[in-house]
Amino acid sequence: MTKDSNRPSLDDLARQLAESIPDSLRTVGEDLERNFKALLQSGLERMDLVTRDDFDLQVAVLERTREKLQQLEERLAELEKRTSN
């Protein structure tokens, strides 16, 4: 598992798949682990996913945007209140 979360890393997933192979086939374990990792990586790349860092960055941008929008809405309400008096 990664340090920052409970999500398994690609290496962890490849290792788990390699360990699930019967003992009689484990003599090729390292090769299987590398092949599983390459296969997983290839499949994930085709899914057009974003990295966690990119996702977290966009979440932060969205939060700042929401805060700015809230400030602008409050300012607009105040200006409308002044002009209606």
PDB file of N, CA and C in Angstrom:
ATOM      1  N   MET A   1       0.832  -1.178   0.000  1.00  0.00           N
ATOM      2  CA  MET A   1       0.000   0.000   0.000  1.00  0.00           C
ATOM      3  C   MET A   1       0.880   1.246   0.000  1.00  0.00           C
ATOM      4  N   THR A   2       0.350   2.312  -0.531  1.00  0.00           N
ATOM      5  CA  THR A   2       1.098   3.553  -0.534  1.00  0.00           C
ATOM      6  C   THR A   2       1.082   4.169   0.846  1.00  0.00           C
ATOM      7  N   LYS A   3       2.051   5.022   1.121  1.00  0.00           N
ATOM      8  CA  LYS A   3       2.142   5.667   2.423  1.00  0.00           C
ATOM      9  C   LYS A   3       0.960   6.583   2.697  1.00  0.00           C
ATOM     10  N   ASP A   4       0.473   7.272   1.672  1.00  0.00           N
ATOM     11  CA  ASP A   4      -0.529   8.322   1.854  1.00  0.00           C
ATOM     12  C   ASP A   4      -1.962   7.821   1.880  1.00  0.00           C
ATOM     13  N   SER A   5      -2.194   6.548   1.570  1.00  0.00           N
ATOM     14  CA  SER A   5      -3.576   6.101   1.485  1.00  0.00           C
ATOM     15  C   SER A   5      -3.655   4.600   1.661  1.00  0.00           C
ATOM     16  N   ASN A   6      -4.871   4.104   1.555  1.00  0.00           N
ATOM     17  CA  ASN A   6      -5.100   2.668   1.615  1.00  0.00           C
ATOM     18  C   ASN A   6      -5.165   2.055   0.228  1.00  0.00           C
ATOM     19  N   ARG A   7      -4.938   2.849  -0.805  1.00  0.00           N
ATOM     20  CA  ARG A   7      -4.980   2.344  -2.169  1.00  0.00           C
ATOM     21  C   ARG A   7      -3.690   1.603  -2.482  1.00  0.00           C
ATOM     22  N   PRO A   8      -3.798   0.423  -3.081  1.00  0.00           N
ATOM     23  CA  PRO A   8      -2.577  -0.306  -3.432  1.00  0.00           C
ATOM     24  C   PRO A   8      -1.871   0.365  -4.606  1.00  0.00           C
ATOM     25  N   SER A   9      -0.554   0.277  -4.610  1.00  0.00           N
ATOM     26  CA  SER A   9       0.203   0.825  -5.729  1.00  0.00           C
ATOM     27  C   SER A   9       0.233  -0.213  -6.851  1.00  0.00           C
ATOM     28  N   LEU A  10       0.710   0.192  -8.003  1.00  0.00           N
ATOM     29  CA  LEU A  10       0.825  -0.718  -9.139  1.00  0.00           C
ATOM     30  C   LEU A  10       1.759  -1.866  -8.792  1.00  0.00           C
ATOM     31  N   ASP A  11       2.845  -1.581  -8.088  1.00  0.00           N
ATOM     32  CA  ASP A  11       3.776  -2.626  -7.662  1.00  0.00           C
ATOM     33  C   ASP A  11       3.072  -3.618  -6.732  1.00  0.00           C
ATOM     34  N   ASP A  12       2.258  -3.099  -5.805  1.00  0.00           N
ATOM     35  CA  ASP A  12       1.520  -3.970  -4.879  1.00  0.00           C
ATOM     36  C   ASP A  12       0.566  -4.888  -5.633  1.00  0.00           C
ATOM     37  N   LEU A  13      -0.156  -4.322  -6.590  1.00  0.00           N
ATOM     38  CA  LEU A  13      -1.093  -5.133  -7.370  1.00  0.00           C
ATOM     39  C   LEU A  13      -0.369  -6.214  -8.161  1.00  0.00           C
ATOM     40  N   ALA A  14       0.743  -5.858  -8.791  1.00  0.00           N
ATOM     41  CA  ALA A  14       1.518  -6.831  -9.569  1.00  0.00           C
ATOM     42  C   ALA A  14       2.044  -7.933  -8.651  1.00  0.00           C
ATOM     43  N   ARG A  15       2.525  -7.542  -7.472  1.00  0.00           N
ATOM     44  CA  ARG A  15       3.040  -8.530  -6.510  1.00  0.00           C
ATOM     45  C   ARG A  15       1.924  -9.463  -6.049  1.00  0.00           C
ATOM     46  N   GLN A  16       0.747  -8.904  -5.774  1.00  0.00           N
ATOM     47  CA  GLN A  16      -0.379  -9.730  -5.330  1.00  0.00           C
ATOM     48  C   GLN A  16      -0.802 -10.719  -6.415  1.00  0.00           C
ATOM     49  N   LEU A  17      -0.813 -10.254  -7.660  1.00  0.00           N
ATOM     50  CA  LEU A  17      -1.155 -11.160  -8.754  1.00  0.00           C
ATOM     51  C   LEU A  17      -0.120 -12.266  -8.885  1.00  0.00           C
ATOM     52  N   ALA A  18       1.157 -11.911  -8.786  1.00  0.00           N
ATOM     53  CA  ALA A  18       2.222 -12.899  -8.896  1.00  0.00           C
ATOM     54  C   ALA A  18       2.140 -13.904  -7.746  1.00  0.00           C
ATOM     55  N   GLU A  19       1.807 -13.445  -6.551  1.00  0.00           N
ATOM     56  CA  GLU A  19       1.700 -14.333  -5.394  1.00  0.00           C
ATOM     57  C   GLU A  19       0.481 -15.246  -5.477  1.00  0.00           C
ATOM     58  N   SER A  20      -0.506 -14.872  -6.289  1.00  0.00           N
ATOM     59  CA  SER A  20      -1.701 -15.703  -6.414  1.00  0.00           C
ATOM     60  C   SER A  20      -1.486 -16.890  -7.352  1.00  0.00           C
ATOM     61  N   ILE A  21      -0.356 -16.916  -8.029  1.00  0.00           N
ATOM     62  CA  ILE A  21      -0.022 -18.014  -8.946  1.00  0.00           C
ATOM     63  C   ILE A  21       0.342 -19.253  -8.121  1.00  0.00           C
ATOM     64  N   PRO A  22      -0.084 -20.439  -8.544  1.00  0.00           N
ATOM     65  CA  PRO A  22       0.260 -21.659  -7.812  1.00  0.00           C
ATOM     66  C   PRO A  22       1.776 -21.821  -7.636  1.00  0.00           C
ATOM     67  N   ASP A  23       2.154 -22.495  -6.539  1.00  0.00           N
ATOM     68  CA  ASP A  23       3.574 -22.679  -6.221  1.00  0.00           C
ATOM     69  C   ASP A  23       4.352 -23.318  -7.363  1.00  0.00           C
ATOM     70  N   SER A  24       3.741 -24.222  -8.088  1.00  0.00           N
ATOM     71  CA  SER A  24       4.443 -24.907  -9.171  1.00  0.00           C
ATOM     72  C   SER A  24       4.868 -23.954 -10.288  1.00  0.00           C
ATOM     73  N   LEU A  25       4.217 -22.820 -10.378  1.00  0.00           N
ATOM     74  CA  LEU A  25       4.549 -21.855 -11.426  1.00  0.00           C
ATOM     75  C   LEU A  25       5.355 -20.672 -10.894  1.00  0.00           C
ATOM     76  N   ARG A  26       5.590 -20.636  -9.597  1.00  0.00           N
ATOM     77  CA  ARG A  26       6.264 -19.478  -8.992  1.00  0.00           C
ATOM     78  C   ARG A  26       7.741 -19.385  -9.340  1.00  0.00           C
ATOM     79  N   THR A  27       8.296 -20.386  -9.953  1.00  0.00           N
ATOM     80  CA  THR A  27       9.710 -20.304 -10.340  1.00  0.00           C
ATOM     81  C   THR A  27       9.932 -19.169 -11.322  1.00  0.00           C
ATOM     82  N   VAL A  28       8.889 -18.772 -11.985  1.00  0.00           N
ATOM     83  CA  VAL A  28       8.981 -17.653 -12.918  1.00  0.00           C
ATOM     84  C   VAL A  28       8.358 -16.402 -12.297  1.00  0.00           C
ATOM     85  N   GLY A  29       8.320 -16.369 -10.975  1.00  0.00           N
ATOM     86  CA  GLY A  29       7.639 -15.311 -10.230  1.00  0.00           C
ATOM     87  C   GLY A  29       8.064 -13.904 -10.583  1.00  0.00           C
ATOM     88  N   GLU A  30       9.368 -13.651 -10.632  1.00  0.00           N
ATOM     89  CA  GLU A  30       9.821 -12.289 -10.944  1.00  0.00           C
ATOM     90  C   GLU A  30       9.382 -11.876 -12.332  1.00  0.00           C
ATOM     91  N   ASP A  31       9.484 -12.798 -13.284  1.00  0.00           N
ATOM     92  CA  ASP A  31       9.036 -12.482 -14.643  1.00  0.00           C
ATOM     93  C   ASP A  31       7.533 -12.215 -14.663  1.00  0.00           C
ATOM     94  N   LEU A  32       6.790 -13.033 -13.935  1.00  0.00           N
ATOM     95  CA  LEU A  32       5.343 -12.827 -13.878  1.00  0.00           C
ATOM     96  C   LEU A  32       5.009 -11.474 -13.264  1.00  0.00           C
ATOM     97  N   GLU A  33       5.704 -11.116 -12.182  1.00  0.00           N
ATOM     98  CA  GLU A  33       5.443  -9.835 -11.520  1.00  0.00           C
ATOM     99  C   GLU A  33       5.717  -8.677 -12.474  1.00  0.00           C
ATOM    100  N   ARG A  34       6.825  -8.744 -13.201  1.00  0.00           N
ATOM    101  CA  ARG A  34       7.140  -7.689 -14.182  1.00  0.00           C
ATOM    102  C   ARG A  34       6.084  -7.639 -15.283  1.00  0.00           C
ATOM    103  N   ASN A  35       5.688  -8.838 -15.760  1.00  0.00           N
ATOM    104  CA  ASN A  35       4.677  -8.883 -16.823  1.00  0.00           C
ATOM    105  C   ASN A  35       3.326  -8.376 -16.333  1.00  0.00           C
ATOM    106  N   PHE A  36       2.948  -8.744 -15.113  1.00  0.00           N
ATOM    107  CA  PHE A  36       1.694  -8.246 -14.549  1.00  0.00           C
ATOM    108  C   PHE A  36       1.738  -6.732 -14.426  1.00  0.00           C
ATOM    109  N   LYS A  37       2.871  -6.215 -13.966  1.00  0.00           N
ATOM    110  CA  LYS A  37       2.997  -4.764 -13.806  1.00  0.00           C
ATOM    111  C   LYS A  37       2.865  -4.066 -15.157  1.00  0.00           C
ATOM    112  N   ALA A  38       3.531  -4.596 -16.176  1.00  0.00           N
ATOM    113  CA  ALA A  38       3.452  -4.006 -17.513  1.00  0.00           C
ATOM    114  C   ALA A  38       2.026  -4.084 -18.051  1.00  0.00           C
ATOM    115  N   LEU A  39       1.369  -5.203 -17.817  1.00  0.00           N
ATOM    116  CA  LEU A  39       0.000  -5.376 -18.292  1.00  0.00           C
ATOM    117  C   LEU A  39      -0.951  -4.406 -17.583  1.00  0.00           C
ATOM    118  N   LEU A  40      -0.796  -4.285 -16.268  1.00  0.00           N
ATOM    119  CA  LEU A  40      -1.630  -3.338 -15.514  1.00  0.00           C
ATOM    120  C   LEU A  40      -1.384  -1.901 -15.966  1.00  0.00           C
ATOM    121  N   GLN A  41      -0.111  -1.561 -16.134  1.00  0.00           N
ATOM    122  CA  GLN A  41       0.233  -0.203 -16.542  1.00  0.00           C
ATOM    123  C   GLN A  41      -0.342   0.103 -17.918  1.00  0.00           C
ATOM    124  N   SER A  42      -0.247  -0.843 -18.830  1.00  0.00           N
ATOM    125  CA  SER A  42      -0.785  -0.655 -20.172  1.00  0.00           C
ATOM    126  C   SER A  42      -2.304  -0.461 -20.128  1.00  0.00           C
ATOM    127  N   GLY A  43      -2.972  -1.277 -19.325  1.00  0.00           N
ATOM    128  CA  GLY A  43      -4.427  -1.155 -19.211  1.00  0.00           C
ATOM    129  C   GLY A  43      -4.845   0.165 -18.608  1.00  0.00           C
ATOM    130  N   LEU A  44      -4.121   0.604 -17.589  1.00  0.00           N
ATOM    131  CA  LEU A  44      -4.451   1.876 -16.944  1.00  0.00           C
ATOM    132  C   LEU A  44      -4.195   3.060 -17.880  1.00  0.00           C
ATOM    133  N   GLU A  45      -3.140   2.981 -18.680  1.00  0.00           N
ATOM    134  CA  GLU A  45      -2.848   4.073 -19.614  1.00  0.00           C
ATOM    135  C   GLU A  45      -3.952   4.216 -20.653  1.00  0.00           C
ATOM    136  N   ARG A  46      -4.544   3.096 -21.069  1.00  0.00           N
ATOM    137  CA  ARG A  46      -5.633   3.151 -22.053  1.00  0.00           C
ATOM    138  C   ARG A  46      -6.905   3.737 -21.473  1.00  0.00           C
ATOM    139  N   MET A  47      -7.017   3.766 -20.142  1.00  0.00           N
ATOM    140  CA  MET A  47      -8.210   4.312 -19.505  1.00  0.00           C
ATOM    141  C   MET A  47      -8.202   5.829 -19.455  1.00  0.00           C
ATOM    142  N   ASP A  48      -7.114   6.441 -19.830  1.00  0.00           N
ATOM    143  CA  ASP A  48      -7.011   7.902 -19.860  1.00  0.00           C
ATOM    144  C   ASP A  48      -7.337   8.499 -18.491  1.00  0.00           C
ATOM    145  N   LEU A  49      -6.680   7.984 -17.451  1.00  0.00           N
ATOM    146  CA  LEU A  49      -6.881   8.444 -16.088  1.00  0.00           C
ATOM    147  C   LEU A  49      -5.926   9.579 -15.763  1.00  0.00           C
ATOM    148  N   VAL A  50      -6.274  10.378 -14.776  1.00  0.00           N
ATOM    149  CA  VAL A  50      -5.374  11.432 -14.308  1.00  0.00           C
ATOM    150  C   VAL A  50      -4.627  10.934 -13.073  1.00  0.00           C
ATOM    151  N   THR A  51      -3.503  11.542 -12.802  1.00  0.00           N
ATOM    152  CA  THR A  51      -2.751  11.173 -11.605  1.00  0.00           C
ATOM    153  C   THR A  51      -3.450  11.736 -10.379  1.00  0.00           C
ATOM    154  N   ARG A  52      -3.138  11.198  -9.233  1.00  0.00           N
ATOM    155  CA  ARG A  52      -3.706  11.691  -7.986  1.00  0.00           C
ATOM    156  C   ARG A  52      -3.298  13.138  -7.753  1.00  0.00           C
ATOM    157  N   ASP A  53      -2.033  13.467  -8.087  1.00  0.00           N
ATOM    158  CA  ASP A  53      -1.562  14.846  -7.918  1.00  0.00           C
ATOM    159  C   ASP A  53      -2.371  15.812  -8.774  1.00  0.00           C
ATOM    160  N   ASP A  54      -2.625  15.434 -10.033  1.00  0.00           N
ATOM    161  CA  ASP A  54      -3.426  16.287 -10.912  1.00  0.00           C
ATOM    162  C   ASP A  54      -4.852  16.429 -10.386  1.00  0.00           C
ATOM    163  N   PHE A  55      -5.413  15.332  -9.897  1.00  0.00           N
ATOM    164  CA  PHE A  55      -6.762  15.371  -9.342  1.00  0.00           C
ATOM    165  C   PHE A  55      -6.823  16.294  -8.134  1.00  0.00           C
ATOM    166  N   ASP A  56      -5.870  16.125  -7.215  1.00  0.00           N
ATOM    167  CA  ASP A  56      -5.840  16.966  -6.015  1.00  0.00           C
ATOM    168  C   ASP A  56      -5.653  18.434  -6.370  1.00  0.00           C
ATOM    169  N   LEU A  57      -4.840  18.721  -7.382  1.00  0.00           N
ATOM    170  CA  LEU A  57      -4.641  20.090  -7.835  1.00  0.00           C
ATOM    171  C   LEU A  57      -5.946  20.681  -8.352  1.00  0.00           C
ATOM    172  N   GLN A  58      -6.681  19.915  -9.130  1.00  0.00           N
ATOM    173  CA  GLN A  58      -7.954  20.408  -9.668  1.00  0.00           C
ATOM    174  C   GLN A  58      -8.991  20.606  -8.561  1.00  0.00           C
ATOM    175  N   VAL A  59      -8.967  19.751  -7.547  1.00  0.00           N
ATOM    176  CA  VAL A  59      -9.869  19.924  -6.400  1.00  0.00           C
ATOM    177  C   VAL A  59      -9.567  21.250  -5.709  1.00  0.00           C
ATOM    178  N   ALA A  60      -8.274  21.543  -5.520  1.00  0.00           N
ATOM    179  CA  ALA A  60      -7.881  22.802  -4.880  1.00  0.00           C
ATOM    180  C   ALA A  60      -8.317  24.000  -5.721  1.00  0.00           C
ATOM    181  N   VAL A  61      -8.146  23.912  -7.030  1.00  0.00           N
ATOM    182  CA  VAL A  61      -8.570  25.000  -7.928  1.00  0.00           C
ATOM    183  C   VAL A  61     -10.080  25.192  -7.828  1.00  0.00           C
ATOM    184  N   LEU A  62     -10.814  24.097  -7.814  1.00  0.00           N
ATOM    185  CA  LEU A  62     -12.275  24.176  -7.709  1.00  0.00           C
ATOM    186  C   LEU A  62     -12.700  24.805  -6.385  1.00  0.00           C
ATOM    187  N   GLU A  63     -12.037  24.446  -5.301  1.00  0.00           N
ATOM    188  CA  GLU A  63     -12.373  25.037  -3.999  1.00  0.00           C
ATOM    189  C   GLU A  63     -12.126  26.543  -3.997  1.00  0.00           C
ATOM    190  N   ARG A  64     -10.983  26.967  -4.572  1.00  0.00           N
ATOM    191  CA  ARG A  64     -10.703  28.411  -4.642  1.00  0.00           C
ATOM    192  C   ARG A  64     -11.732  29.117  -5.518  1.00  0.00           C
ATOM    193  N   THR A  65     -12.129  28.474  -6.604  1.00  0.00           N
ATOM    194  CA  THR A  65     -13.120  29.055  -7.502  1.00  0.00           C
ATOM    195  C   THR A  65     -14.471  29.209  -6.798  1.00  0.00           C
ATOM    196  N   ARG A  66     -14.848  28.197  -6.042  1.00  0.00           N
ATOM    197  CA  ARG A  66     -16.107  28.272  -5.288  1.00  0.00           C
ATOM    198  C   ARG A  66     -16.062  29.401  -4.260  1.00  0.00           C
ATOM    199  N   GLU A  67     -14.933  29.534  -3.571  1.00  0.00           N
ATOM    200  CA  GLU A  67     -14.790  30.613  -2.591  1.00  0.00           C
ATOM    201  C   GLU A  67     -14.907  31.981  -3.262  1.00  0.00           C
ATOM    202  N   LYS A  68     -14.247  32.130  -4.401  1.00  0.00           N
ATOM    203  CA  LYS A  68     -14.288  33.397  -5.142  1.00  0.00           C
ATOM    204  C   LYS A  68     -15.719  33.688  -5.608  1.00  0.00           C
ATOM    205  N   LEU A  69     -16.400  32.665  -6.096  1.00  0.00           N
ATOM    206  CA  LEU A  69     -17.779  32.834  -6.540  1.00  0.00           C
ATOM    207  C   LEU A  69     -18.667  33.264  -5.379  1.00  0.00           C
ATOM    208  N   GLN A  70     -18.483  32.651  -4.230  1.00  0.00           N
ATOM    209  CA  GLN A  70     -19.263  33.019  -3.047  1.00  0.00           C
ATOM    210  C   GLN A  70     -19.021  34.484  -2.680  1.00  0.00           C
ATOM    211  N   GLN A  71     -17.757  34.908  -2.716  1.00  0.00           N
ATOM    212  CA  GLN A  71     -17.431  36.308  -2.419  1.00  0.00           C
ATOM    213  C   GLN A  71     -18.088  37.249  -3.413  1.00  0.00           C
ATOM    214  N   LEU A  72     -18.051  36.884  -4.682  1.00  0.00           N
ATOM    215  CA  LEU A  72     -18.658  37.735  -5.713  1.00  0.00           C
ATOM    216  C   LEU A  72     -20.179  37.793  -5.554  1.00  0.00           C
ATOM    217  N   GLU A  73     -20.798  36.658  -5.209  1.00  0.00           N
ATOM    218  CA  GLU A  73     -22.244  36.652  -4.995  1.00  0.00           C
ATOM    219  C   GLU A  73     -22.625  37.551  -3.812  1.00  0.00           C
ATOM    220  N   GLU A  74     -21.834  37.486  -2.749  1.00  0.00           N
ATOM    221  CA  GLU A  74     -22.099  38.337  -1.588  1.00  0.00           C
ATOM    222  C   GLU A  74     -21.905  39.807  -1.943  1.00  0.00           C
ATOM    223  N   ARG A  75     -20.886  40.105  -2.712  1.00  0.00           N
ATOM    224  CA  ARG A  75     -20.627  41.489  -3.121  1.00  0.00           C
ATOM    225  C   ARG A  75     -21.761  42.009  -4.018  1.00  0.00           C
ATOM    226  N   LEU A  76     -22.208  41.169  -4.947  1.00  0.00           N
ATOM    227  CA  LEU A  76     -23.308  41.545  -5.827  1.00  0.00           C
ATOM    228  C   LEU A  76     -24.588  41.795  -5.025  1.00  0.00           C
ATOM    229  N   ALA A  77     -24.854  40.940  -4.065  1.00  0.00           N
ATOM    230  CA  ALA A  77     -26.047  41.123  -3.225  1.00  0.00           C
ATOM    231  C   ALA A  77     -25.966  42.444  -2.468  1.00  0.00           C
ATOM    232  N   GLU A  78     -24.788  42.765  -1.960  1.00  0.00           N
ATOM    233  CA  GLU A  78     -24.596  44.028  -1.238  1.00  0.00           C
ATOM    234  C   GLU A  78     -24.801  45.223  -2.175  1.00  0.00           C
ATOM    235  N   LEU A  79     -24.239  45.158  -3.386  1.00  0.00           N
ATOM    236  CA  LEU A  79     -24.411  46.246  -4.350  1.00  0.00           C
ATOM    237  C   LEU A  79     -25.875  46.400  -4.757  1.00  0.00           C
ATOM    238  N   GLU A  80     -26.574  45.289  -4.959  1.00  0.00           N
ATOM    239  CA  GLU A  80     -27.989  45.355  -5.318  1.00  0.00           C
ATOM    240  C   GLU A  80     -28.806  45.960  -4.168  1.00  0.00           C
ATOM    241  N   LYS A  81     -28.422  45.616  -2.950  1.00  0.00           N
ATOM    242  CA  LYS A  81     -29.114  46.153  -1.781  1.00  0.00           C
ATOM    243  C   LYS A  81     -28.923  47.662  -1.702  1.00  0.00           C
ATOM    244  N   ARG A  82     -27.701  48.139  -1.984  1.00  0.00           N
ATOM    245  CA  ARG A  82     -27.421  49.586  -1.947  1.00  0.00           C
ATOM    246  C   ARG A  82     -28.184  50.331  -3.022  1.00  0.00           C
ATOM    247  N   THR A  83     -28.233  49.773  -4.205  1.00  0.00           N
ATOM    248  CA  THR A  83     -28.894  50.472  -5.318  1.00  0.00           C
ATOM    249  C   THR A  83     -30.405  50.458  -5.192  1.00  0.00           C
ATOM    250  N   SER A  84     -30.959  49.519  -4.450  1.00  0.00           N
ATOM    251  CA  SER A  84     -32.415  49.461  -4.312  1.00  0.00           C
ATOM    252  C   SER A  84     -32.920  50.440  -3.255  1.00  0.00           C
ATOM    253  N   ASN A  85     -32.010  50.969  -2.459  1.00  0.00           N
ATOM    254  CA  ASN A  85     -32.420  51.924  -1.415  1.00  0.00           C
ATOM    255  C   ASN A  85     -32.468  53.331  -1.899  1.00  0.00           C
TER     256      ASN A  85
END
